[in-house]
């Protein structure tokens, strides 16, 4: 089977503390471009792009990055409608991804 890119989001159980965020910033494995931290009020998630033969392998690899990071628990994995399409999983039962946003054209 060929390796391909898989897109998904990991949601943490709790928002990272400032100390955890600083520690995470020091880990090389979180700085290679495959995983990006996204902070919002009361929530931390990670946008992921991993190469693997299967989605399960890609998620397992991403979860492995957290294995020795005490106090940080991943609550869920999300595949939104865009990820389903990007991951080649779109079927008629999947809500279509929204169309790309186009900038308004100035009047001539």
C-alpha atoms as a PDB file:
ATOM      1  CA  UNK A   1       0.000   0.000   0.000  1.00  0.00           C
ATOM      2  CA  UNK A   2       1.246   3.506  -0.761  1.00  0.00           C
ATOM      3  CA  UNK A   3       1.899   6.154   1.851  1.00  0.00           C
ATOM      4  CA  UNK A   4      -0.334   9.197   1.581  1.00  0.00           C
ATOM      5  CA  UNK A   5      -1.086  12.337   3.577  1.00  0.00           C
ATOM      6  CA  UNK A   6      -3.900  12.262   6.150  1.00  0.00           C
ATOM      7  CA  UNK A   7      -5.529  15.400   7.622  1.00  0.00           C
ATOM      8  CA  UNK A   8      -7.208  15.392  11.041  1.00  0.00           C
ATOM      9  CA  UNK A   9      -7.503  17.348  14.287  1.00  0.00           C
ATOM     10  CA  UNK A  10      -6.635  16.169  17.806  1.00  0.00           C
ATOM     11  CA  UNK A  11      -8.560  17.804  20.673  1.00  0.00           C
ATOM     12  CA  UNK A  12      -7.055  17.852  24.150  1.00  0.00           C
ATOM     13  CA  UNK A  13      -9.009  17.071  27.305  1.00  0.00           C
ATOM     14  CA  UNK A  14      -7.985  20.416  28.804  1.00  0.00           C
ATOM     15  CA  UNK A  15      -6.317  23.580  27.541  1.00  0.00           C
ATOM     16  CA  UNK A  16      -2.536  23.494  27.889  1.00  0.00           C
ATOM     17  CA  UNK A  17      -1.172  25.402  30.853  1.00  0.00           C
ATOM     18  CA  UNK A  18       1.465  28.048  30.074  1.00  0.00           C
ATOM     19  CA  UNK A  19       4.104  25.684  31.502  1.00  0.00           C
ATOM     20  CA  UNK A  20       2.933  22.796  29.307  1.00  0.00           C
ATOM     21  CA  UNK A  21       2.882  25.057  26.245  1.00  0.00           C
ATOM     22  CA  UNK A  22       6.460  26.172  26.963  1.00  0.00           C
ATOM     23  CA  UNK A  23       7.575  22.556  27.425  1.00  0.00           C
ATOM     24  CA  UNK A  24       5.857  21.497  24.213  1.00  0.00           C
ATOM     25  CA  UNK A  25       7.566  24.311  22.304  1.00  0.00           C
ATOM     26  CA  UNK A  26      10.897  22.741  23.315  1.00  0.00           C
ATOM     27  CA  UNK A  27      10.115  19.346  21.765  1.00  0.00           C
ATOM     28  CA  UNK A  28      11.562  18.953  18.263  1.00  0.00           C
ATOM     29  CA  UNK A  29       8.853  16.432  17.379  1.00  0.00           C
ATOM     30  CA  UNK A  30       6.244  19.210  17.618  1.00  0.00           C
ATOM     31  CA  UNK A  31       8.251  21.530  15.344  1.00  0.00           C
ATOM     32  CA  UNK A  32       8.562  19.461  12.164  1.00  0.00           C
ATOM     33  CA  UNK A  33       5.470  20.860  10.411  1.00  0.00           C
ATOM     34  CA  UNK A  34       3.274  17.750  10.735  1.00  0.00           C
ATOM     35  CA  UNK A  35       1.370  19.016  13.766  1.00  0.00           C
ATOM     36  CA  UNK A  36       0.354  22.585  14.640  1.00  0.00           C
ATOM     37  CA  UNK A  37      -1.064  23.789  17.942  1.00  0.00           C
ATOM     38  CA  UNK A  38      -4.231  25.909  17.763  1.00  0.00           C
ATOM     39  CA  UNK A  39      -5.262  27.759  20.923  1.00  0.00           C
ATOM     40  CA  UNK A  40      -8.664  29.237  21.604  1.00  0.00           C
ATOM     41  CA  UNK A  41     -10.290  30.344  24.870  1.00  0.00           C
ATOM     42  CA  UNK A  42     -10.476  27.276  27.096  1.00  0.00           C
ATOM     43  CA  UNK A  43      -9.399  24.838  24.377  1.00  0.00           C
ATOM     44  CA  UNK A  44      -6.258  23.445  22.726  1.00  0.00           C
ATOM     45  CA  UNK A  45      -6.305  21.415  19.548  1.00  0.00           C
ATOM     46  CA  UNK A  46      -3.716  20.236  17.054  1.00  0.00           C
ATOM     47  CA  UNK A  47      -4.124  20.375  13.297  1.00  0.00           C
ATOM     48  CA  UNK A  48      -2.325  17.334  11.856  1.00  0.00           C
ATOM     49  CA  UNK A  49      -0.947  16.257   8.489  1.00  0.00           C
ATOM     50  CA  UNK A  50       0.792  12.877   8.682  1.00  0.00           C
ATOM     51  CA  UNK A  51       2.009  10.557   5.969  1.00  0.00           C
ATOM     52  CA  UNK A  52       1.068   6.891   6.449  1.00  0.00           C
ATOM     53  CA  UNK A  53      -0.483   3.960   4.636  1.00  0.00           C
ATOM     54  CA  UNK A  54      -3.721   4.190   6.658  1.00  0.00           C
ATOM     55  CA  UNK A  55      -5.567   6.819   8.658  1.00  0.00           C
ATOM     56  CA  UNK A  56      -5.258   4.610  11.746  1.00  0.00           C
ATOM     57  CA  UNK A  57      -1.460   4.557  11.394  1.00  0.00           C
ATOM     58  CA  UNK A  58      -1.355   8.350  10.928  1.00  0.00           C
ATOM     59  CA  UNK A  59      -3.468   8.952  14.057  1.00  0.00           C
ATOM     60  CA  UNK A  60      -1.415   6.452  16.074  1.00  0.00           C
ATOM     61  CA  UNK A  61       1.793   8.243  15.058  1.00  0.00           C
ATOM     62  CA  UNK A  62       0.344  11.615  16.072  1.00  0.00           C
ATOM     63  CA  UNK A  63      -0.890  10.244  19.409  1.00  0.00           C
ATOM     64  CA  UNK A  64       2.565   8.784  20.010  1.00  0.00           C
ATOM     65  CA  UNK A  65       3.964  12.321  20.142  1.00  0.00           C
ATOM     66  CA  UNK A  66       2.033  12.814  23.398  1.00  0.00           C
ATOM     67  CA  UNK A  67       3.078   9.513  25.032  1.00  0.00           C
ATOM     68  CA  UNK A  68       5.701  10.994  27.346  1.00  0.00           C
ATOM     69  CA  UNK A  69       4.094  14.392  27.863  1.00  0.00           C
ATOM     70  CA  UNK A  70       2.717  14.141  31.430  1.00  0.00           C
ATOM     71  CA  UNK A  71      -0.659  15.656  32.179  1.00  0.00           C
ATOM     72  CA  UNK A  72      -1.711  16.063  28.555  1.00  0.00           C
ATOM     73  CA  UNK A  73      -4.560  13.840  27.382  1.00  0.00           C
ATOM     74  CA  UNK A  74      -6.047  13.725  23.895  1.00  0.00           C
ATOM     75  CA  UNK A  75      -9.843  13.683  24.170  1.00  0.00           C
ATOM     76  CA  UNK A  76     -10.867  13.096  20.552  1.00  0.00           C
ATOM     77  CA  UNK A  77      -9.885  12.947  16.905  1.00  0.00           C
ATOM     78  CA  UNK A  78     -11.912  15.001  14.443  1.00  0.00           C
ATOM     79  CA  UNK A  79     -12.336  14.533  10.721  1.00  0.00           C
ATOM     80  CA  UNK A  80     -14.352  17.479   9.459  1.00  0.00           C
ATOM     81  CA  UNK A  81     -16.042  17.607   6.065  1.00  0.00           C
ATOM     82  CA  UNK A  82     -12.965  19.140   4.461  1.00  0.00           C
ATOM     83  CA  UNK A  83     -10.709  16.451   5.947  1.00  0.00           C
ATOM     84  CA  UNK A  84     -13.067  13.742   4.703  1.00  0.00           C
ATOM     85  CA  UNK A  85     -12.812  15.200   1.205  1.00  0.00           C
ATOM     86  CA  UNK A  86      -9.030  15.753   1.438  1.00  0.00           C
ATOM     87  CA  UNK A  87      -8.589  12.216   2.791  1.00  0.00           C
ATOM     88  CA  UNK A  88     -10.445  10.739  -0.175  1.00  0.00           C
ATOM     89  CA  UNK A  89     -13.353   9.604   2.017  1.00  0.00           C
ATOM     90  CA  UNK A  90     -16.101  11.724   0.493  1.00  0.00           C
ATOM     91  CA  UNK A  91     -19.290   9.885  -0.411  1.00  0.00           C
ATOM     92  CA  UNK A  92     -22.836  11.148  -1.070  1.00  0.00           C
ATOM     93  CA  UNK A  93     -23.465  10.669   2.682  1.00  0.00           C
ATOM     94  CA  UNK A  94     -20.845  13.295   3.616  1.00  0.00           C
ATOM     95  CA  UNK A  95     -21.776  16.962   3.840  1.00  0.00           C
ATOM     96  CA  UNK A  96     -19.900  18.668   1.008  1.00  0.00           C
ATOM     97  CA  UNK A  97     -17.074  20.999   1.921  1.00  0.00           C
ATOM     98  CA  UNK A  98     -17.994  24.676   1.635  1.00  0.00           C
ATOM     99  CA  UNK A  99     -16.852  26.390  -1.557  1.00  0.00           C
ATOM    100  CA  UNK A 100     -13.637  28.396  -1.347  1.00  0.00           C
ATOM    101  CA  UNK A 101     -14.062  31.990  -0.254  1.00  0.00           C
ATOM    102  CA  UNK A 102     -13.270  34.422  -3.040  1.00  0.00           C
ATOM    103  CA  UNK A 103     -12.244  38.002  -2.446  1.00  0.00           C
ATOM    104  CA  UNK A 104     -14.770  40.604  -3.546  1.00  0.00           C
ATOM    105  CA  UNK A 105     -13.835  42.266  -6.798  1.00  0.00           C
ATOM    106  CA  UNK A 106     -13.629  46.057  -6.649  1.00  0.00           C
ATOM    107  CA  UNK A 107     -16.162  47.823  -8.875  1.00  0.00           C
ATOM    108  CA  UNK A 108     -14.780  48.876 -12.263  1.00  0.00           C
END
